[in-house]
N, C-alpha and C. Protein backbone atom coordinates (compact mmCIF):
# COMPACT_ATOMS: atom_id res chain seq x y z
N UNK A 1 36.48 96.60 78.35
CA UNK A 1 36.85 97.10 76.90
C UNK A 1 37.72 95.70 76.50
N UNK A 2 37.56 95.91 75.67
CA UNK A 2 38.18 94.86 74.86
C UNK A 2 39.93 95.43 74.17
N UNK A 3 40.28 94.24 74.00
CA UNK A 3 41.63 94.41 73.63
C UNK A 3 42.13 95.36 72.20
N UNK A 4 41.05 95.40 71.29
CA UNK A 4 41.45 96.04 70.08
C UNK A 4 40.78 97.57 70.13
N UNK A 5 40.74 98.10 71.51
CA UNK A 5 40.44 99.56 72.04
C UNK A 5 42.11 99.98 72.67
N UNK A 6 42.49 99.07 72.89
CA UNK A 6 43.85 99.55 73.91
C UNK A 6 44.87 100.40 72.95
N UNK A 7 45.70 101.77 73.52
CA UNK A 7 46.42 101.94 72.83
C UNK A 7 47.98 101.28 72.52
N UNK A 8 48.56 102.06 71.71
CA UNK A 8 50.36 101.01 71.51
C UNK A 8 50.69 101.83 73.09
N UNK A 9 51.61 100.56 73.63
CA UNK A 9 52.35 100.83 74.71
C UNK A 9 51.54 100.58 75.85
N UNK A 10 49.99 100.31 76.18
CA UNK A 10 49.61 100.06 77.34
C UNK A 10 49.52 98.95 77.32
N UNK A 11 50.06 98.33 78.62
CA UNK A 11 49.41 96.84 79.42
C UNK A 11 48.55 96.66 80.23
N UNK A 12 48.01 95.47 80.06
CA UNK A 12 46.63 95.18 79.92
C UNK A 12 46.29 94.15 80.72
N UNK A 13 45.77 93.49 81.55
CA UNK A 13 45.26 91.85 82.29
C UNK A 13 43.88 91.39 81.71
N UNK A 14 44.34 90.44 81.21
CA UNK A 14 43.04 89.68 80.10
C UNK A 14 42.25 89.51 81.31
N UNK A 15 41.05 89.88 81.54
CA UNK A 15 40.12 89.51 82.62
C UNK A 15 38.81 88.18 82.12
N UNK A 16 38.74 87.81 80.45
CA UNK A 16 38.17 86.77 80.01
C UNK A 16 38.05 86.84 78.19
N UNK A 17 37.87 85.65 77.65
CA UNK A 17 37.84 85.51 76.26
C UNK A 17 36.23 85.44 76.25
N UNK A 18 35.63 85.92 74.93
CA UNK A 18 34.50 85.50 74.90
C UNK A 18 34.27 83.78 73.82
N UNK A 19 33.47 82.88 74.50
CA UNK A 19 33.79 82.01 74.24
C UNK A 19 31.93 81.78 73.23
N UNK A 20 31.68 82.32 72.67
CA UNK A 20 30.37 82.74 72.04
C UNK A 20 30.72 81.79 71.03
N UNK A 21 31.63 81.19 70.78
CA UNK A 21 32.05 80.13 69.59
C UNK A 21 33.68 79.82 69.54
N UNK A 22 33.96 78.59 68.39
CA UNK A 22 35.08 78.36 68.61
C UNK A 22 36.37 79.15 68.50
N UNK A 23 36.26 80.36 68.17
CA UNK A 23 37.12 81.47 68.31
C UNK A 23 38.24 81.71 69.44
N UNK A 24 37.55 81.27 70.15
CA UNK A 24 38.54 81.41 72.03
C UNK A 24 39.65 79.99 71.94
N UNK A 25 39.18 78.69 70.93
CA UNK A 25 40.62 78.19 71.34
C UNK A 25 41.57 78.33 70.24
N UNK A 26 41.38 79.31 69.99
CA UNK A 26 42.47 79.77 68.56
C UNK A 26 43.39 80.55 69.68
N UNK A 27 42.82 81.63 70.71
CA UNK A 27 43.23 82.37 71.22
C UNK A 27 43.98 81.46 72.38
N UNK A 28 43.25 80.65 72.95
CA UNK A 28 43.84 79.33 74.50
C UNK A 28 45.32 78.28 73.97
N UNK A 29 45.43 78.50 72.48
CA UNK A 29 46.65 77.69 71.88
C UNK A 29 47.75 78.86 71.18
N UNK A 30 46.92 80.33 71.82
CA UNK A 30 48.11 81.13 71.42
C UNK A 30 49.06 81.06 73.21
N UNK A 31 48.38 80.75 74.45
CA UNK A 31 48.31 80.43 75.51
C UNK A 31 48.27 82.20 76.10
N UNK A 32 46.67 82.49 75.63
CA UNK A 32 46.31 83.60 75.82
C UNK A 32 45.40 83.23 76.89
N UNK A 33 45.35 83.50 78.29
CA UNK A 33 44.58 82.69 79.21
C UNK A 33 44.26 84.41 80.04
N UNK A 34 43.00 84.16 80.76
CA UNK A 34 42.43 85.16 81.91
C UNK A 34 43.44 85.34 83.20
N UNK A 35 43.80 86.46 83.78
CA UNK A 35 44.67 86.81 84.35
C UNK A 35 46.14 87.26 83.66
N UNK A 36 46.34 86.67 82.40
CA UNK A 36 47.64 87.07 81.96
C UNK A 36 47.90 88.66 81.86
N UNK A 37 48.58 89.05 81.43
CA UNK A 37 49.47 90.72 81.83
C UNK A 37 50.08 90.82 80.17
N UNK A 38 49.47 91.37 79.32
CA UNK A 38 50.11 92.04 77.54
C UNK A 38 49.79 93.22 77.32
N UNK A 39 51.40 93.09 77.00
CA UNK A 39 51.36 94.81 76.07
C UNK A 39 51.10 94.70 74.58
N UNK A 40 50.30 96.06 74.38
CA UNK A 40 50.02 96.68 72.73
C UNK A 40 50.82 97.33 72.42
N UNK A 41 51.93 96.17 71.54
CA UNK A 41 53.57 97.00 70.90
C UNK A 41 53.57 97.87 69.38
N UNK A 42 52.53 97.66 68.58
CA UNK A 42 51.65 98.04 67.62
C UNK A 42 50.61 97.53 66.99
N UNK A 43 50.13 98.48 66.24
CA UNK A 43 48.95 98.29 65.56
C UNK A 43 48.95 98.71 63.97
N UNK A 44 47.98 97.07 63.02
CA UNK A 44 48.46 97.96 61.62
C UNK A 44 47.49 99.00 61.61
N UNK A 45 47.52 99.82 60.01
CA UNK A 45 46.96 100.26 59.94
C UNK A 45 45.58 100.23 59.12
N UNK A 46 44.91 100.44 58.91
CA UNK A 46 43.34 100.38 58.38
C UNK A 46 42.74 99.02 58.85
N UNK A 47 42.41 99.15 60.20
CA UNK A 47 42.30 97.91 60.99
C UNK A 47 43.19 96.50 60.69
N UNK A 48 44.25 96.93 60.66
CA UNK A 48 45.63 95.45 60.73
C UNK A 48 45.54 94.77 61.99
N UNK A 49 46.17 93.88 61.97
CA UNK A 49 46.44 93.04 63.62
C UNK A 49 47.20 94.05 64.43
N UNK A 50 47.23 93.34 65.21
CA UNK A 50 47.32 94.34 66.99
C UNK A 50 48.77 93.09 67.27
N UNK A 51 49.85 93.90 67.70
CA UNK A 51 50.89 93.13 68.02
C UNK A 51 51.06 92.97 69.31
N UNK A 52 51.17 92.17 70.06
CA UNK A 52 51.54 92.29 71.68
C UNK A 52 52.38 91.34 72.04
N UNK A 53 52.81 91.40 73.65
CA UNK A 53 53.86 90.87 73.93
C UNK A 53 53.58 90.51 75.27
N UNK A 54 53.57 89.48 75.06
CA UNK A 54 52.71 88.54 76.58
C UNK A 54 54.06 88.51 78.06
N UNK A 55 53.46 88.39 79.04
CA UNK A 55 53.95 88.22 79.97
C UNK A 55 55.20 87.07 80.09
N UNK A 56 55.24 86.27 79.46
CA UNK A 56 56.16 85.23 78.86
C UNK A 56 58.17 85.55 78.20
N UNK A 57 56.92 87.06 77.33
CA UNK A 57 58.01 87.57 76.89
C UNK A 57 57.96 87.02 74.79
N UNK A 58 57.05 86.46 75.03
CA UNK A 58 56.39 85.50 73.76
C UNK A 58 55.91 87.31 72.77
N UNK A 59 55.81 87.39 71.79
CA UNK A 59 54.99 88.22 70.81
C UNK A 59 54.52 87.89 69.94
N UNK A 60 52.97 87.71 69.79
CA UNK A 60 52.33 87.23 68.86
C UNK A 60 51.40 88.03 67.92
N UNK A 61 50.45 87.88 66.61
CA UNK A 61 49.67 89.23 66.46
C UNK A 61 48.35 88.74 66.43
N UNK A 62 47.18 89.77 66.10
CA UNK A 62 46.02 89.04 66.32
C UNK A 62 45.12 89.82 65.44
N UNK A 63 44.37 89.00 64.75
CA UNK A 63 43.19 90.18 63.60
C UNK A 63 42.08 90.72 64.80
N UNK A 64 41.83 92.04 64.13
CA UNK A 64 41.21 92.80 65.12
C UNK A 64 40.26 92.17 65.62
N UNK A 65 39.40 91.11 64.33
CA UNK A 65 37.67 90.84 65.38
C UNK A 65 38.52 89.18 66.40
N UNK A 66 39.72 88.88 66.39
CA UNK A 66 39.76 88.14 67.87
C UNK A 66 40.10 89.12 68.78
N UNK A 67 41.01 90.77 68.47
CA UNK A 67 41.25 90.68 69.77
C UNK A 67 39.95 91.74 70.10
N UNK A 68 38.73 91.31 69.48
CA UNK A 68 37.25 92.44 70.14
C UNK A 68 37.02 91.55 71.02
N UNK A 69 37.47 89.98 71.07
CA UNK A 69 36.59 88.81 72.08
C UNK A 69 37.69 88.46 73.52
N UNK A 70 38.64 89.97 73.31
CA UNK A 70 39.66 89.51 74.65
C UNK A 70 39.04 90.66 75.43
N UNK A 71 38.60 90.17 76.73
CA UNK A 71 37.94 90.98 77.44
C UNK A 71 39.10 91.96 78.38
N UNK A 72 39.65 92.85 78.69
CA UNK A 72 40.53 93.22 79.50
C UNK A 72 40.67 94.53 80.72
N UNK A 73 41.06 94.49 81.54
CA UNK A 73 41.26 95.72 82.28
C UNK A 73 42.98 96.67 82.61
N UNK A 74 42.87 97.70 82.69
CA UNK A 74 44.01 98.41 82.59
C UNK A 74 44.90 97.86 84.14
N UNK A 75 46.02 97.70 83.44
CA UNK A 75 47.54 97.63 84.59
C UNK A 75 47.84 98.77 84.87
N UNK A 76 47.53 99.13 86.58
CA UNK A 76 48.51 100.27 86.87
C UNK A 76 49.47 100.27 87.00
């Protein structure tokens, strides 16, 4: 499942990044790496950005087209 499908308040572990184009380099520059844990803190209305809290306590927002390229698994 991709990050854009996760509900607000859920925590997920990054399984992989879609590397079909250079967009994954932007995600890597944010420190988004496979194995990291993220928590979705907010979602913009009308397809707006997704706000996340990274396990290292930093916050960032991703456009939904980037979030679709982050493949995640749920954290229990």
